[in-house]
Structure formats: structure tokens, C-alpha cells
Amino acid sequence: MTTIAINVGFSIAQAIADFFSGIGKSMVMARGAHANYEVAQHLQHEYPKMSQAEIAHMLNDRLRKEVYGD
């Protein structure tokens, strides 16, 4: 009986931790995407054949891979 109570308590704690972990990752992505769009404007001279949106997309892909491990 004690094992069941411990397992249920652990699963609830794990669900809460996963929830906050997801929120944290979402916040990192939102802030990063905004920063990447601003940085893309400054990088246009480095990538003359790409638009600002294309550069931001490239940077956001790299950020997503870093944050979510895709």
C-alpha cells in the first residue's frame, strides 16, 4: 500500500515538473525568436542573398534544436 502511495505521489510530482519544464522551454523559445528576428536585421550584410525572415528562420531552427534537442 505504501508503494502505491509513493508511486502516485511521484507521478504527480513528475507531471508538475514536466509542466514547468515545458513552460520554461516555451519562454526560452519566445524570447529567443524575438531576439533572433532583431539579430537577423544586423546579419543581412553577412547573408546578402537571404531576407531578414529567412535569416531569422535559420536562427530559430538552430535555437529549437538546442532547446528541444530535435
C-alpha atoms as a PDB file:
ATOM      1  CA  MET A   1       0.000   0.000   0.000  1.00  0.00           C
ATOM      2  CA  THR A   2       2.846   2.371   0.817  1.00  0.00           C
ATOM      3  CA  THR A   3       4.448   1.619  -2.555  1.00  0.00           C
ATOM      4  CA  ILE A   4       1.265   2.637  -4.373  1.00  0.00           C
ATOM      5  CA  ALA A   5       1.076   5.916  -2.446  1.00  0.00           C
ATOM      6  CA  ILE A   6       4.730   6.687  -3.192  1.00  0.00           C
ATOM      7  CA  ASN A   7       4.310   5.877  -6.888  1.00  0.00           C
ATOM      8  CA  VAL A   8       1.211   8.071  -7.174  1.00  0.00           C
ATOM      9  CA  GLY A   9       2.957  10.918  -5.363  1.00  0.00           C
ATOM     10  CA  PHE A  10       5.995  10.589  -7.605  1.00  0.00           C
ATOM     11  CA  SER A  11       3.911  10.556 -10.777  1.00  0.00           C
ATOM     12  CA  ILE A  12       2.095  13.727  -9.695  1.00  0.00           C
ATOM     13  CA  ALA A  13       5.383  15.436  -8.868  1.00  0.00           C
ATOM     14  CA  GLN A  14       6.828  14.315 -12.218  1.00  0.00           C
ATOM     15  CA  ALA A  15       3.798  15.695 -14.089  1.00  0.00           C
ATOM     16  CA  ILE A  16       4.181  19.053 -12.339  1.00  0.00           C
ATOM     17  CA  ALA A  17       7.922  19.155 -13.085  1.00  0.00           C
ATOM     18  CA  ASP A  18       7.299  18.315 -16.754  1.00  0.00           C
ATOM     19  CA  PHE A  19       4.666  21.058 -16.946  1.00  0.00           C
ATOM     20  CA  PHE A  20       7.015  23.732 -15.620  1.00  0.00           C
ATOM     21  CA  SER A  21       9.854  22.433 -17.764  1.00  0.00           C
ATOM     22  CA  GLY A  22       7.644  22.858 -20.829  1.00  0.00           C
ATOM     23  CA  ILE A  23       6.717  26.390 -19.815  1.00  0.00           C
ATOM     24  CA  GLY A  24      10.387  27.233 -19.312  1.00  0.00           C
ATOM     25  CA  LYS A  25      11.316  25.918 -22.745  1.00  0.00           C
ATOM     26  CA  SER A  26       8.451  27.856 -24.313  1.00  0.00           C
ATOM     27  CA  MET A  27       9.655  31.056 -22.660  1.00  0.00           C
ATOM     28  CA  VAL A  28      13.193  30.488 -23.932  1.00  0.00           C
ATOM     29  CA  MET A  29      11.868  29.909 -27.447  1.00  0.00           C
ATOM     30  CA  ALA A  30       9.661  33.017 -27.383  1.00  0.00           C
ATOM     31  CA  ARG A  31      12.423  35.295 -26.133  1.00  0.00           C
ATOM     32  CA  GLY A  32      14.940  33.711 -28.493  1.00  0.00           C
ATOM     33  CA  ALA A  33      12.691  34.027 -31.533  1.00  0.00           C
ATOM     34  CA  HIS A  34      12.182  37.707 -30.831  1.00  0.00           C
ATOM     35  CA  ALA A  35      15.907  38.276 -30.339  1.00  0.00           C
ATOM     36  CA  ASN A  36      16.719  36.285 -33.483  1.00  0.00           C
ATOM     37  CA  TYR A  37      14.447  38.495 -35.570  1.00  0.00           C
ATOM     38  CA  GLU A  38      16.274  41.584 -34.351  1.00  0.00           C
ATOM     39  CA  VAL A  39      19.695  39.971 -34.838  1.00  0.00           C
ATOM     40  CA  ALA A  40      18.702  38.896 -38.363  1.00  0.00           C
ATOM     41  CA  GLN A  41      18.448  42.542 -39.350  1.00  0.00           C
ATOM     42  CA  HIS A  42      22.091  43.058 -38.377  1.00  0.00           C
ATOM     43  CA  LEU A  43      23.202  39.889 -40.167  1.00  0.00           C
ATOM     44  CA  GLN A  44      21.778  40.826 -43.551  1.00  0.00           C
ATOM     45  CA  HIS A  45      25.157  42.080 -44.742  1.00  0.00           C
ATOM     46  CA  GLU A  46      26.631  38.633 -43.891  1.00  0.00           C
ATOM     47  CA  TYR A  47      23.910  36.839 -45.871  1.00  0.00           C
ATOM     48  CA  PRO A  48      23.090  39.217 -48.760  1.00  0.00           C
ATOM     49  CA  LYS A  49      21.003  36.687 -50.702  1.00  0.00           C
ATOM     50  CA  MET A  50      18.702  35.958 -47.739  1.00  0.00           C
ATOM     51  CA  SER A  51      15.867  38.103 -46.439  1.00  0.00           C
ATOM     52  CA  GLN A  52      15.555  39.060 -42.788  1.00  0.00           C
ATOM     53  CA  ALA A  53      12.788  36.476 -42.337  1.00  0.00           C
ATOM     54  CA  GLU A  54      14.941  33.720 -43.861  1.00  0.00           C
ATOM     55  CA  ILE A  55      17.858  34.535 -41.571  1.00  0.00           C
ATOM     56  CA  ALA A  56      15.538  34.615 -38.545  1.00  0.00           C
ATOM     57  CA  HIS A  57      14.126  31.233 -39.589  1.00  0.00           C
ATOM     58  CA  MET A  58      17.629  29.774 -39.830  1.00  0.00           C
ATOM     59  CA  LEU A  59      18.493  31.103 -36.369  1.00  0.00           C
ATOM     60  CA  ASN A  60      15.208  29.856 -34.907  1.00  0.00           C
ATOM     61  CA  ASP A  61      15.847  26.367 -36.306  1.00  0.00           C
ATOM     62  CA  ARG A  62      19.191  26.307 -34.522  1.00  0.00           C
ATOM     63  CA  LEU A  63      17.575  27.555 -31.314  1.00  0.00           C
ATOM     64  CA  ARG A  64      14.817  24.921 -31.489  1.00  0.00           C
ATOM     65  CA  LYS A  65      17.399  22.170 -31.902  1.00  0.00           C
ATOM     66  CA  GLU A  66      19.311  23.478 -28.892  1.00  0.00           C
ATOM     67  CA  VAL A  67      16.256  23.864 -26.646  1.00  0.00           C
ATOM     68  CA  TYR A  68      14.223  20.799 -27.627  1.00  0.00           C
ATOM     69  CA  GLY A  69      17.007  18.565 -28.896  1.00  0.00           C
ATOM     70  CA  ASP A  70      15.361  17.995 -32.293  1.00  0.00           C
END
